[in-house]
C-alpha cells in the first residue's frame, strides 16, 4: 500500500501544481495562448471541470484502496487476537492440569518416612 500512496501523493502534487498554474495564469491561457480546447472562458471552465473530475476520481480511488487495506488489517488483527486467546486457554488448561497432578500425588505417610530413615 505504501507504493500506491506514494504514487497517489505524486499524482496529487502534480494535480495541484497544474491546478495552481491554471488558476494563476487563467487570463493568459484564454487571451494569449492558442490552445484549441481553451479558446474561450467557457472552454477554460470545461477544462477546469474535467480537471476536477479527474481529481475526484483520483481521491475516491485512494479512499477505496485505503479502506480495503484497513479491512484486511482488521481481519488480520482479529485472527491474531483469536490465536492469542487460544494460546492463553491452552496455557491455562496446562497449568490447571499440572496443579491437579501436584495435588493428586500421594504424600508419603509417616510410616513411609520411618522406613526411609531406617534404610
PDB file of N, CA and C in Angstrom:
ATOM      1  N   UNK A   1       0.819  -1.200   0.000  1.00  0.00           N
ATOM      2  CA  UNK A   1       0.000   0.000   0.000  1.00  0.00           C
ATOM      3  C   UNK A   1       0.858   1.258   0.000  1.00  0.00           C
ATOM      4  N   UNK A   2       2.032   1.200   0.597  1.00  0.00           N
ATOM      5  CA  UNK A   2       2.862   2.401   0.635  1.00  0.00           C
ATOM      6  C   UNK A   2       3.292   2.812  -0.773  1.00  0.00           C
ATOM      7  N   UNK A   3       3.460   1.833  -1.672  1.00  0.00           N
ATOM      8  CA  UNK A   3       3.810   2.173  -3.049  1.00  0.00           C
ATOM      9  C   UNK A   3       2.662   2.927  -3.715  1.00  0.00           C
ATOM     10  N   UNK A   4       1.426   2.464  -3.463  1.00  0.00           N
ATOM     11  CA  UNK A   4       0.266   3.150  -4.024  1.00  0.00           C
ATOM     12  C   UNK A   4       0.135   4.555  -3.441  1.00  0.00           C
ATOM     13  N   UNK A   5       0.385   4.691  -2.139  1.00  0.00           N
ATOM     14  CA  UNK A   5       0.280   6.016  -1.525  1.00  0.00           C
ATOM     15  C   UNK A   5       1.279   6.982  -2.138  1.00  0.00           C
ATOM     16  N   UNK A   6       2.499   6.512  -2.367  1.00  0.00           N
ATOM     17  CA  UNK A   6       3.499   7.393  -2.979  1.00  0.00           C
ATOM     18  C   UNK A   6       3.065   7.820  -4.374  1.00  0.00           C
ATOM     19  N   UNK A   7       2.502   6.884  -5.124  1.00  0.00           N
ATOM     20  CA  UNK A   7       2.027   7.212  -6.469  1.00  0.00           C
ATOM     21  C   UNK A   7       0.886   8.214  -6.395  1.00  0.00           C
ATOM     22  N   UNK A   8      -0.058   7.988  -5.478  1.00  0.00           N
ATOM     23  CA  UNK A   8      -1.184   8.910  -5.341  1.00  0.00           C
ATOM     24  C   UNK A   8      -0.716  10.288  -4.877  1.00  0.00           C
ATOM     25  N   UNK A   9       0.216  10.332  -3.937  1.00  0.00           N
ATOM     26  CA  UNK A   9       0.699  11.629  -3.468  1.00  0.00           C
ATOM     27  C   UNK A   9       1.433  12.372  -4.577  1.00  0.00           C
ATOM     28  N   UNK A  10       2.199  11.662  -5.374  1.00  0.00           N
ATOM     29  CA  UNK A  10       2.857  12.299  -6.508  1.00  0.00           C
ATOM     30  C   UNK A  10       1.828  12.836  -7.498  1.00  0.00           C
ATOM     31  N   UNK A  11       0.791  12.030  -7.758  1.00  0.00           N
ATOM     32  CA  UNK A  11      -0.270  12.488  -8.665  1.00  0.00           C
ATOM     33  C   UNK A  11      -0.985  13.703  -8.087  1.00  0.00           C
ATOM     34  N   UNK A  12      -1.219  13.713  -6.770  1.00  0.00           N
ATOM     35  CA  UNK A  12      -1.855  14.870  -6.138  1.00  0.00           C
ATOM     36  C   UNK A  12      -0.989  16.113  -6.256  1.00  0.00           C
ATOM     37  N   UNK A  13       0.305  15.972  -6.034  1.00  0.00           N
ATOM     38  CA  UNK A  13       1.203  17.133  -6.145  1.00  0.00           C
ATOM     39  C   UNK A  13       1.180  17.683  -7.567  1.00  0.00           C
ATOM     40  N   UNK A  14       1.283  16.786  -8.547  1.00  0.00           N
ATOM     41  CA  UNK A  14       1.232  17.238  -9.938  1.00  0.00           C
ATOM     42  C   UNK A  14      -0.123  17.875 -10.262  1.00  0.00           C
ATOM     43  N   UNK A  15      -1.181  17.264  -9.755  1.00  0.00           N
ATOM     44  CA  UNK A  15      -2.535  17.774  -9.987  1.00  0.00           C
ATOM     45  C   UNK A  15      -2.696  19.180  -9.413  1.00  0.00           C
ATOM     46  N   UNK A  16      -2.257  19.389  -8.171  1.00  0.00           N
ATOM     47  CA  UNK A  16      -2.407  20.703  -7.553  1.00  0.00           C
ATOM     48  C   UNK A  16      -1.460  21.735  -8.151  1.00  0.00           C
ATOM     49  N   UNK A  17      -0.277  21.301  -8.565  1.00  0.00           N
ATOM     50  CA  UNK A  17       0.623  22.240  -9.249  1.00  0.00           C
ATOM     51  C   UNK A  17       0.018  22.700 -10.574  1.00  0.00           C
ATOM     52  N   UNK A  18      -0.540  21.759 -11.321  1.00  0.00           N
ATOM     53  CA  UNK A  18      -1.174  22.113 -12.585  1.00  0.00           C
ATOM     54  C   UNK A  18      -2.407  22.981 -12.348  1.00  0.00           C
ATOM     55  N   UNK A  19      -3.184  22.650 -11.333  1.00  0.00           N
ATOM     56  CA  UNK A  19      -4.351  23.477 -10.992  1.00  0.00           C
ATOM     57  C   UNK A  19      -3.946  24.873 -10.553  1.00  0.00           C
ATOM     58  N   UNK A  20      -2.858  24.969  -9.792  1.00  0.00           N
ATOM     59  CA  UNK A  20      -2.352  26.283  -9.388  1.00  0.00           C
ATOM     60  C   UNK A  20      -1.848  27.083 -10.576  1.00  0.00           C
ATOM     61  N   UNK A  21      -1.197  26.406 -11.501  1.00  0.00           N
ATOM     62  CA  UNK A  21      -0.746  27.069 -12.715  1.00  0.00           C
ATOM     63  C   UNK A  21      -1.923  27.639 -13.492  1.00  0.00           C
ATOM     64  N   UNK A  22      -2.981  26.861 -13.633  1.00  0.00           N
ATOM     65  CA  UNK A  22      -4.168  27.331 -14.354  1.00  0.00           C
ATOM     66  C   UNK A  22      -4.822  28.491 -13.605  1.00  0.00           C
ATOM     67  N   UNK A  23      -4.893  28.386 -12.277  1.00  0.00           N
ATOM     68  CA  UNK A  23      -5.517  29.459 -11.502  1.00  0.00           C
ATOM     69  C   UNK A  23      -4.714  30.758 -11.595  1.00  0.00           C
ATOM     70  N   UNK A  24      -3.397  30.640 -11.631  1.00  0.00           N
ATOM     71  CA  UNK A  24      -2.563  31.841 -11.662  1.00  0.00           C
ATOM     72  C   UNK A  24      -2.524  32.483 -13.049  1.00  0.00           C
ATOM     73  N   UNK A  25      -2.490  31.664 -14.088  1.00  0.00           N
ATOM     74  CA  UNK A  25      -2.359  32.186 -15.450  1.00  0.00           C
ATOM     75  C   UNK A  25      -3.629  32.034 -16.269  1.00  0.00           C
ATOM     76  N   UNK A  26      -4.786  32.074 -15.632  1.00  0.00           N
ATOM     77  CA  UNK A  26      -6.029  31.819 -16.380  1.00  0.00           C
ATOM     78  C   UNK A  26      -6.272  32.867 -17.469  1.00  0.00           C
ATOM     79  N   UNK A  27      -5.926  34.110 -17.214  1.00  0.00           N
ATOM     80  CA  UNK A  27      -6.145  35.132 -18.242  1.00  0.00           C
ATOM     81  C   UNK A  27      -5.222  34.918 -19.437  1.00  0.00           C
ATOM     82  N   UNK A  28      -3.985  34.580 -19.165  1.00  0.00           N
ATOM     83  CA  UNK A  28      -3.049  34.323 -20.263  1.00  0.00           C
ATOM     84  C   UNK A  28      -3.467  33.099 -21.071  1.00  0.00           C
ATOM     85  N   UNK A  29      -4.020  32.107 -20.385  1.00  0.00           N
ATOM     86  CA  UNK A  29      -4.463  30.908 -21.102  1.00  0.00           C
ATOM     87  C   UNK A  29      -5.568  31.234 -22.091  1.00  0.00           C
ATOM     88  N   UNK A  30      -6.491  32.078 -21.674  1.00  0.00           N
ATOM     89  CA  UNK A  30      -7.634  32.377 -22.544  1.00  0.00           C
ATOM     90  C   UNK A  30      -7.275  33.427 -23.589  1.00  0.00           C
ATOM     91  N   UNK A  31      -6.586  34.479 -23.185  1.00  0.00           N
ATOM     92  CA  UNK A  31      -6.374  35.609 -24.079  1.00  0.00           C
ATOM     93  C   UNK A  31      -5.185  35.433 -25.025  1.00  0.00           C
ATOM     94  N   UNK A  32      -4.103  34.841 -24.559  1.00  0.00           N
ATOM     95  CA  UNK A  32      -2.889  34.856 -25.363  1.00  0.00           C
ATOM     96  C   UNK A  32      -2.489  33.501 -25.924  1.00  0.00           C
ATOM     97  N   UNK A  33      -2.795  32.425 -25.231  1.00  0.00           N
ATOM     98  CA  UNK A  33      -2.344  31.119 -25.697  1.00  0.00           C
ATOM     99  C   UNK A  33      -3.300  30.595 -26.745  1.00  0.00           C
ATOM    100  N   UNK A  34      -2.733  29.914 -27.693  1.00  0.00           N
ATOM    101  CA  UNK A  34      -3.552  29.411 -28.788  1.00  0.00           C
ATOM    102  C   UNK A  34      -3.750  27.901 -28.627  1.00  0.00           C
ATOM    103  N   UNK A  35      -4.580  27.547 -27.658  1.00  0.00           N
ATOM    104  CA  UNK A  35      -4.924  26.139 -27.440  1.00  0.00           C
ATOM    105  C   UNK A  35      -6.320  25.930 -27.999  1.00  0.00           C
ATOM    106  N   UNK A  36      -6.511  24.802 -28.627  1.00  0.00           N
ATOM    107  CA  UNK A  36      -7.816  24.550 -29.241  1.00  0.00           C
ATOM    108  C   UNK A  36      -8.920  24.371 -28.205  1.00  0.00           C
ATOM    109  N   UNK A  37      -8.621  23.725 -27.110  1.00  0.00           N
ATOM    110  CA  UNK A  37      -9.678  23.440 -26.134  1.00  0.00           C
ATOM    111  C   UNK A  37      -9.841  24.530 -25.088  1.00  0.00           C
ATOM    112  N   UNK A  38      -8.946  25.533 -25.086  1.00  0.00           N
ATOM    113  CA  UNK A  38      -9.109  26.664 -24.168  1.00  0.00           C
ATOM    114  C   UNK A  38      -9.060  27.954 -24.995  1.00  0.00           C
ATOM    115  N   UNK A  39     -10.026  28.141 -25.855  1.00  0.00           N
ATOM    116  CA  UNK A  39     -10.034  29.356 -26.661  1.00  0.00           C
ATOM    117  C   UNK A  39     -11.003  30.391 -26.111  1.00  0.00           C
ATOM    118  N   UNK A  40     -11.883  29.998 -25.206  1.00  0.00           N
ATOM    119  CA  UNK A  40     -12.821  30.944 -24.594  1.00  0.00           C
ATOM    120  C   UNK A  40     -12.869  30.668 -23.094  1.00  0.00           C
ATOM    121  N   UNK A  41     -13.584  31.532 -22.395  1.00  0.00           N
ATOM    122  CA  UNK A  41     -13.763  31.348 -20.950  1.00  0.00           C
ATOM    123  C   UNK A  41     -14.560  30.070 -20.677  1.00  0.00           C
ATOM    124  N   UNK A  42     -15.511  29.770 -21.525  1.00  0.00           N
ATOM    125  CA  UNK A  42     -16.290  28.548 -21.353  1.00  0.00           C
ATOM    126  C   UNK A  42     -15.400  27.315 -21.564  1.00  0.00           C
ATOM    127  N   UNK A  43     -14.477  27.391 -22.484  1.00  0.00           N
ATOM    128  CA  UNK A  43     -13.540  26.294 -22.698  1.00  0.00           C
ATOM    129  C   UNK A  43     -12.643  26.078 -21.492  1.00  0.00           C
ATOM    130  N   UNK A  44     -12.206  27.196 -20.883  1.00  0.00           N
ATOM    131  CA  UNK A  44     -11.401  27.093 -19.665  1.00  0.00           C
ATOM    132  C   UNK A  44     -12.214  26.480 -18.536  1.00  0.00           C
ATOM    133  N   UNK A  45     -13.481  26.886 -18.431  1.00  0.00           N
ATOM    134  CA  UNK A  45     -14.352  26.333 -17.395  1.00  0.00           C
ATOM    135  C   UNK A  45     -14.554  24.830 -17.606  1.00  0.00           C
ATOM    136  N   UNK A  46     -14.773  24.402 -18.835  1.00  0.00           N
ATOM    137  CA  UNK A  46     -14.911  22.971 -19.127  1.00  0.00           C
ATOM    138  C   UNK A  46     -13.626  22.213 -18.781  1.00  0.00           C
ATOM    139  N   UNK A  47     -12.486  22.828 -19.090  1.00  0.00           N
ATOM    140  CA  UNK A  47     -11.205  22.192 -18.778  1.00  0.00           C
ATOM    141  C   UNK A  47     -11.012  22.053 -17.268  1.00  0.00           C
ATOM    142  N   UNK A  48     -11.369  23.069 -16.525  1.00  0.00           N
ATOM    143  CA  UNK A  48     -11.253  23.017 -15.061  1.00  0.00           C
ATOM    144  C   UNK A  48     -12.211  21.979 -14.492  1.00  0.00           C
ATOM    145  N   UNK A  49     -13.414  21.868 -15.042  1.00  0.00           N
ATOM    146  CA  UNK A  49     -14.356  20.849 -14.576  1.00  0.00           C
ATOM    147  C   UNK A  49     -13.836  19.443 -14.865  1.00  0.00           C
ATOM    148  N   UNK A  50     -13.231  19.249 -16.023  1.00  0.00           N
ATOM    149  CA  UNK A  50     -12.638  17.945 -16.332  1.00  0.00           C
ATOM    150  C   UNK A  50     -11.483  17.646 -15.384  1.00  0.00           C
ATOM    151  N   UNK A  51     -10.692  18.671 -15.095  1.00  0.00           N
ATOM    152  CA  UNK A  51      -9.594  18.508 -14.150  1.00  0.00           C
ATOM    153  C   UNK A  51     -10.125  18.167 -12.755  1.00  0.00           C
ATOM    154  N   UNK A  52     -11.213  18.789 -12.349  1.00  0.00           N
ATOM    155  CA  UNK A  52     -11.835  18.496 -11.055  1.00  0.00           C
ATOM    156  C   UNK A  52     -12.376  17.075 -11.016  1.00  0.00           C
ATOM    157  N   UNK A  53     -12.961  16.626 -12.108  1.00  0.00           N
ATOM    158  CA  UNK A  53     -13.469  15.249 -12.170  1.00  0.00           C
ATOM    159  C   UNK A  53     -12.317  14.252 -12.047  1.00  0.00           C
ATOM    160  N   UNK A  54     -11.204  14.548 -12.689  1.00  0.00           N
ATOM    161  CA  UNK A  54     -10.037  13.676 -12.564  1.00  0.00           C
ATOM    162  C   UNK A  54      -9.545  13.633 -11.118  1.00  0.00           C
ATOM    163  N   UNK A  55      -9.486  14.789 -10.469  1.00  0.00           N
ATOM    164  CA  UNK A  55      -9.072  14.836  -9.062  1.00  0.00           C
ATOM    165  C   UNK A  55     -10.022  14.064  -8.162  1.00  0.00           C
ATOM    166  N   UNK A  56     -11.314  14.164  -8.430  1.00  0.00           N
ATOM    167  CA  UNK A  56     -12.305  13.436  -7.649  1.00  0.00           C
ATOM    168  C   UNK A  56     -12.144  11.927  -7.829  1.00  0.00           C
ATOM    169  N   UNK A  57     -11.944  11.493  -9.053  1.00  0.00           N
ATOM    170  CA  UNK A  57     -11.740  10.064  -9.317  1.00  0.00           C
ATOM    171  C   UNK A  57     -10.473   9.573  -8.619  1.00  0.00           C
ATOM    172  N   UNK A  58      -9.436  10.361  -8.670  1.00  0.00           N
ATOM    173  CA  UNK A  58      -8.183  10.008  -8.005  1.00  0.00           C
ATOM    174  C   UNK A  58      -8.384   9.888  -6.498  1.00  0.00           C
ATOM    175  N   UNK A  59      -9.098  10.827  -5.916  1.00  0.00           N
ATOM    176  CA  UNK A  59      -9.353  10.830  -4.471  1.00  0.00           C
ATOM    177  C   UNK A  59     -10.217   9.642  -4.057  1.00  0.00           C
ATOM    178  N   UNK A  60     -11.268   9.358  -4.800  1.00  0.00           N
ATOM    179  CA  UNK A  60     -12.155   8.227  -4.480  1.00  0.00           C
ATOM    180  C   UNK A  60     -11.398   6.907  -4.601  1.00  0.00           C
ATOM    181  N   UNK A  61     -10.551   6.788  -5.605  1.00  0.00           N
ATOM    182  CA  UNK A  61      -9.747   5.579  -5.768  1.00  0.00           C
ATOM    183  C   UNK A  61      -8.827   5.372  -4.572  1.00  0.00           C
ATOM    184  N   UNK A  62      -8.202   6.429  -4.102  1.00  0.00           N
ATOM    185  CA  UNK A  62      -7.324   6.313  -2.937  1.00  0.00           C
ATOM    186  C   UNK A  62      -8.111   5.911  -1.696  1.00  0.00           C
ATOM    187  N   UNK A  63      -9.279   6.486  -1.499  1.00  0.00           N
ATOM    188  CA  UNK A  63     -10.103   6.134  -0.340  1.00  0.00           C
ATOM    189  C   UNK A  63     -10.510   4.662  -0.391  1.00  0.00           C
ATOM    190  N   UNK A  64     -10.898   4.184  -1.558  1.00  0.00           N
ATOM    191  CA  UNK A  64     -11.302   2.772  -1.696  1.00  0.00           C
ATOM    192  C   UNK A  64     -10.130   1.851  -1.393  1.00  0.00           C
ATOM    193  N   UNK A  65      -8.965   2.146  -1.926  1.00  0.00           N
ATOM    194  CA  UNK A  65      -7.795   1.297  -1.694  1.00  0.00           C
ATOM    195  C   UNK A  65      -7.396   1.318  -0.224  1.00  0.00           C
ATOM    196  N   UNK A  66      -7.434   2.480   0.425  1.00  0.00           N
ATOM    197  CA  UNK A  66      -7.101   2.553   1.845  1.00  0.00           C
ATOM    198  C   UNK A  66      -8.104   1.778   2.687  1.00  0.00           C
ATOM    199  N   UNK A  67      -9.401   1.848   2.344  1.00  0.00           N
ATOM    200  CA  UNK A  67     -10.404   1.096   3.104  1.00  0.00           C
ATOM    201  C   UNK A  67     -10.230  -0.408   2.926  1.00  0.00           C
ATOM    202  N   UNK A  68      -9.839  -0.837   1.745  1.00  0.00           N
ATOM    203  CA  UNK A  68      -9.568  -2.258   1.538  1.00  0.00           C
ATOM    204  C   UNK A  68      -8.395  -2.695   2.405  1.00  0.00           C
ATOM    205  N   UNK A  69      -7.357  -1.884   2.472  1.00  0.00           N
ATOM    206  CA  UNK A  69      -6.205  -2.218   3.302  1.00  0.00           C
ATOM    207  C   UNK A  69      -6.592  -2.229   4.778  1.00  0.00           C
ATOM    208  N   UNK A  70      -7.378  -1.255   5.218  1.00  0.00           N
ATOM    209  CA  UNK A  70      -7.818  -1.202   6.612  1.00  0.00           C
ATOM    210  C   UNK A  70      -8.645  -2.436   6.959  1.00  0.00           C
ATOM    211  N   UNK A  71      -9.538  -2.834   6.052  1.00  0.00           N
ATOM    212  CA  UNK A  71     -10.370  -4.015   6.287  1.00  0.00           C
ATOM    213  C   UNK A  71      -9.513  -5.270   6.414  1.00  0.00           C
ATOM    214  N   UNK A  72      -8.530  -5.417   5.534  1.00  0.00           N
ATOM    215  CA  UNK A  72      -7.676  -6.607   5.593  1.00  0.00           C
ATOM    216  C   UNK A  72      -6.820  -6.607   6.858  1.00  0.00           C
ATOM    217  N   UNK A  73      -6.330  -5.456   7.272  1.00  0.00           N
ATOM    218  CA  UNK A  73      -5.536  -5.388   8.501  1.00  0.00           C
ATOM    219  C   UNK A  73      -6.395  -5.679   9.732  1.00  0.00           C
ATOM    220  N   UNK A  74      -7.635  -5.206   9.751  1.00  0.00           N
ATOM    221  CA  UNK A  74      -8.532  -5.509  10.879  1.00  0.00           C
ATOM    222  C   UNK A  74      -8.809  -7.005  10.958  1.00  0.00           C
ATOM    223  N   UNK A  75      -9.018  -7.640   9.813  1.00  0.00           N
ATOM    224  CA  UNK A  75      -9.237  -9.088   9.811  1.00  0.00           C
ATOM    225  C   UNK A  75      -8.001  -9.827  10.318  1.00  0.00           C
ATOM    226  N   UNK A  76      -6.836  -9.355   9.929  1.00  0.00           N
ATOM    227  CA  UNK A  76      -5.598  -9.980  10.391  1.00  0.00           C
ATOM    228  C   UNK A  76      -5.451  -9.810  11.893  1.00  0.00           C
ATOM    229  N   UNK A  77      -5.780  -8.637  12.410  1.00  0.00           N
ATOM    230  CA  UNK A  77      -5.698  -8.391  13.852  1.00  0.00           C
ATOM    231  C   UNK A  77      -6.672  -9.286  14.602  1.00  0.00           C
ATOM    232  N   UNK A  78      -7.892  -9.436  14.089  1.00  0.00           N
ATOM    233  CA  UNK A  78      -8.871 -10.305  14.745  1.00  0.00           C
ATOM    234  C   UNK A  78      -8.387 -11.747  14.783  1.00  0.00           C
ATOM    235  N   UNK A  79      -7.814 -12.229  13.683  1.00  0.00           N
ATOM    236  CA  UNK A  79      -7.330 -13.613  13.673  1.00  0.00           C
ATOM    237  C   UNK A  79      -6.167 -13.788  14.646  1.00  0.00           C
ATOM    238  N   UNK A  80      -5.289 -12.795  14.729  1.00  0.00           N
ATOM    239  CA  UNK A  80      -4.174 -12.880  15.678  1.00  0.00           C
ATOM    240  C   UNK A  80      -4.676 -12.805  17.120  1.00  0.00           C
ATOM    241  N   UNK A  81      -5.697 -11.990  17.384  1.00  0.00           N
ATOM    242  CA  UNK A  81      -6.279 -11.945  18.728  1.00  0.00           C
ATOM    243  C   UNK A  81      -6.899 -13.292  19.090  1.00  0.00           C
ATOM    244  N   UNK A  82      -7.562 -13.925  18.129  1.00  0.00           N
ATOM    245  CA  UNK A  82      -8.134 -15.251  18.390  1.00  0.00           C
ATOM    246  C   UNK A  82      -7.038 -16.278  18.666  1.00  0.00           C
ATOM    247  N   UNK A  83      -5.933 -16.195  17.951  1.00  0.00           N
ATOM    248  CA  UNK A  83      -4.811 -17.089  18.210  1.00  0.00           C
ATOM    249  C   UNK A  83      -4.248 -16.873  19.615  1.00  0.00           C
ATOM    250  N   UNK A  84      -4.137 -15.629  20.028  1.00  0.00           N
ATOM    251  CA  UNK A  84      -3.642 -15.325  21.373  1.00  0.00           C
ATOM    252  C   UNK A  84      -4.593 -15.877  22.429  1.00  0.00           C
ATOM    253  N   UNK A  85      -5.885 -15.712  22.209  1.00  0.00           N
ATOM    254  CA  UNK A  85      -6.870 -16.237  23.163  1.00  0.00           C
ATOM    255  C   UNK A  85      -6.783 -17.758  23.241  1.00  0.00           C
ATOM    256  N   UNK A  86      -6.632 -18.423  22.098  1.00  0.00           N
ATOM    257  CA  UNK A  86      -6.482 -19.881  22.093  1.00  0.00           C
ATOM    258  C   UNK A  86      -5.230 -20.313  22.849  1.00  0.00           C
ATOM    259  N   UNK A  87      -4.128 -19.610  22.626  1.00  0.00           N
ATOM    260  CA  UNK A  87      -2.885 -19.960  23.317  1.00  0.00           C
ATOM    261  C   UNK A  87      -3.002 -19.719  24.818  1.00  0.00           C
ATOM    262  N   UNK A  88      -3.683 -18.652  25.210  1.00  0.00           N
ATOM    263  CA  UNK A  88      -3.898 -18.402  26.637  1.00  0.00           C
ATOM    264  C   UNK A  88      -4.751 -19.501  27.247  1.00  0.00           C
ATOM    265  N   UNK A  89      -5.770 -19.935  26.511  1.00  0.00           N
ATOM    266  CA  UNK A  89      -6.621 -21.025  27.002  1.00  0.00           C
ATOM    267  C   UNK A  89      -5.831 -22.310  27.166  1.00  0.00           C
ATOM    268  N   UNK A  90      -4.968 -22.645  26.197  1.00  0.00           N
ATOM    269  CA  UNK A  90      -4.146 -23.849  26.300  1.00  0.00           C
ATOM    270  C   UNK A  90      -3.187 -23.750  27.476  1.00  0.00           C
ATOM    271  N   UNK A  91      -2.599 -22.571  27.668  1.00  0.00           N
ATOM    272  CA  UNK A  91      -1.682 -22.373  28.779  1.00  0.00           C
ATOM    273  C   UNK A  91      -2.407 -22.510  30.110  1.00  0.00           C
ATOM    274  N   UNK A  92      -3.605 -21.980  30.194  1.00  0.00           N
ATOM    275  CA  UNK A  92      -4.394 -22.093  31.423  1.00  0.00           C
ATOM    276  C   UNK A  92      -4.762 -23.551  31.677  1.00  0.00           C
ATOM    277  N   UNK A  93      -5.201 -24.243  30.632  1.00  0.00           N
ATOM    278  CA  UNK A  93      -5.547 -25.655  30.794  1.00  0.00           C
ATOM    279  C   UNK A  93      -4.332 -26.463  31.253  1.00  0.00           C
ATOM    280  N   UNK A  94      -3.194 -26.169  30.694  1.00  0.00           N
ATOM    281  CA  UNK A  94      -1.973 -26.883  31.076  1.00  0.00           C
ATOM    282  C   UNK A  94      -1.623 -26.613  32.528  1.00  0.00           C
ATOM    283  N   UNK A  95      -1.768 -25.365  32.979  1.00  0.00           N
ATOM    284  CA  UNK A  95      -1.443 -25.045  34.371  1.00  0.00           C
ATOM    285  C   UNK A  95      -2.441 -25.689  35.328  1.00  0.00           C
ATOM    286  N   UNK A  96      -3.701 -25.776  34.943  1.00  0.00           N
ATOM    287  CA  UNK A  96      -4.710 -26.423  35.797  1.00  0.00           C
ATOM    288  C   UNK A  96      -4.424 -27.913  35.902  1.00  0.00           C
ATOM    289  N   UNK A  97      -4.051 -28.545  34.800  1.00  0.00           N
ATOM    290  CA  UNK A  97      -3.742 -29.976  34.819  1.00  0.00           C
ATOM    291  C   UNK A  97      -2.517 -30.238  35.689  1.00  0.00           C
ATOM    292  N   UNK A  98      -1.497 -29.382  35.576  1.00  0.00           N
ATOM    293  CA  UNK A  98      -0.303 -29.559  36.406  1.00  0.00           C
ATOM    294  C   UNK A  98      -0.626 -29.365  37.878  1.00  0.00           C
ATOM    295  N   UNK A  99      -1.472 -28.399  38.197  1.00  0.00           N
ATOM    296  CA  UNK A  99      -1.870 -28.176  39.589  1.00  0.00           C
ATOM    297  C   UNK A  99      -2.627 -29.386  40.124  1.00  0.00           C
ATOM    298  N   UNK A 100      -3.503 -29.952  39.315  1.00  0.00           N
ATOM    299  CA  UNK A 100      -4.253 -31.136  39.741  1.00  0.00           C
ATOM    300  C   UNK A 100      -3.326 -32.330  39.940  1.00  0.00           C
ATOM    301  N   UNK A 101      -2.315 -32.464  39.068  1.00  0.00           N
ATOM    302  CA  UNK A 101      -1.358 -33.563  39.218  1.00  0.00           C
ATOM    303  C   UNK A 101      -0.574 -33.428  40.511  1.00  0.00           C
ATOM    304  N   UNK A 102      -0.189 -32.218  40.839  1.00  0.00           N
ATOM    305  CA  UNK A 102       0.563 -31.990  42.070  1.00  0.00           C
ATOM    306  C   UNK A 102      -0.317 -32.288  43.279  1.00  0.00           C
ATOM    307  N   UNK A 103      -1.565 -31.881  43.245  1.00  0.00           N
ATOM    308  CA  UNK A 103      -2.470 -32.128  44.357  1.00  0.00           C
ATOM    309  C   UNK A 103      -2.809 -33.601  44.493  1.00  0.00           C
ATOM    310  N   UNK A 104      -2.862 -34.335  43.397  1.00  0.00           N
ATOM    311  CA  UNK A 104      -3.245 -35.745  43.425  1.00  0.00           C
ATOM    312  C   UNK A 104      -2.093 -36.680  43.772  1.00  0.00           C
ATOM    313  N   UNK A 105      -0.883 -36.190  43.789  1.00  0.00           N
ATOM    314  CA  UNK A 105       0.235 -37.047  44.148  1.00  0.00           C
ATOM    315  C   UNK A 105       0.091 -37.453  45.611  1.00  0.00           C
ATOM    316  N   UNK A 106       0.388 -38.711  45.849  1.00  0.00           N
ATOM    317  CA  UNK A 106       0.314 -39.210  47.228  1.00  0.00           C
ATOM    318  C   UNK A 106       1.495 -38.675  48.022  1.00  0.00           C
ATOM    319  N   UNK A 107       1.185 -38.051  49.134  1.00  0.00           N
ATOM    320  CA  UNK A 107       2.260 -37.615  50.007  1.00  0.00           C
ATOM    321  C   UNK A 107       2.711 -38.808  50.832  1.00  0.00           C
ATOM    322  N   UNK A 108       3.978 -38.880  51.081  1.00  0.00           N
ATOM    323  CA  UNK A 108       4.451 -40.020  51.878  1.00  0.00           C
ATOM    324  C   UNK A 108       3.877 -39.961  53.298  1.00  0.00           C
ATOM    325  N   UNK A 109       3.459 -41.086  53.766  1.00  0.00           N
ATOM    326  CA  UNK A 109       2.903 -41.164  55.119  1.00  0.00           C
ATOM    327  C   UNK A 109       4.031 -41.244  56.126  1.00  0.00           C
ATOM    328  N   UNK A 110       3.679 -41.197  57.383  1.00  0.00           N
ATOM    329  CA  UNK A 110       4.679 -41.255  58.458  1.00  0.00           C
ATOM    330  C   UNK A 110       5.411 -42.587  58.417  1.00  0.00           C
ATOM    331  N   UNK A 111       4.690 -43.667  58.125  1.00  0.00           N
ATOM    332  CA  UNK A 111       5.328 -44.965  58.078  1.00  0.00           C
ATOM    333  C   UNK A 111       6.352 -45.036  56.944  1.00  0.00           C
ATOM    334  N   UNK A 112       6.011 -44.417  55.795  1.00  0.00           N
ATOM    335  CA  UNK A 112       6.964 -44.404  54.684  1.00  0.00           C
ATOM    336  C   UNK A 112       8.213 -43.620  55.058  1.00  0.00           C
ATOM    337  N   UNK A 113       8.026 -42.550  55.797  1.00  0.00           N
ATOM    338  CA  UNK A 113       9.171 -41.738  56.205  1.00  0.00           C
ATOM    339  C   UNK A 113      10.054 -42.517  57.182  1.00  0.00           C
ATOM    340  N   UNK A 114       9.427 -43.277  58.088  1.00  0.00           N
ATOM    341  CA  UNK A 114      10.204 -44.068  59.049  1.00  0.00           C
ATOM    342  C   UNK A 114      10.986 -45.160  58.330  1.00  0.00           C
ATOM    343  N   UNK A 115      10.398 -45.760  57.328  1.00  0.00           N
ATOM    344  CA  UNK A 115      11.087 -46.792  56.565  1.00  0.00           C
ATOM    345  C   UNK A 115      12.274 -46.216  55.820  1.00  0.00           C
ATOM    346  N   UNK A 116      12.112 -44.996  55.325  1.00  0.00           N
ATOM    347  CA  UNK A 116      13.230 -44.368  54.604  1.00  0.00           C
ATOM    348  C   UNK A 116      14.375 -44.072  55.564  1.00  0.00           C
ATOM    349  N   UNK A 117      14.058 -43.691  56.828  1.00  0.00           N
ATOM    350  CA  UNK A 117      15.103 -43.380  57.786  1.00  0.00           C
ATOM    351  C   UNK A 117      15.830 -44.658  58.239  1.00  0.00           C
ATOM    352  N   UNK A 118      15.108 -45.745  58.325  1.00  0.00           N
ATOM    353  CA  UNK A 118      15.731 -46.985  58.772  1.00  0.00           C
ATOM    354  C   UNK A 118      16.669 -47.563  57.716  1.00  0.00           C
ATOM    355  N   UNK A 119      16.408 -47.293  56.512  1.00  0.00           N
ATOM    356  CA  UNK A 119      17.260 -47.846  55.465  1.00  0.00           C
ATOM    357  C   UNK A 119      18.510 -47.083  55.375  1.00  0.00           C
TER     358      UNK A 119
END
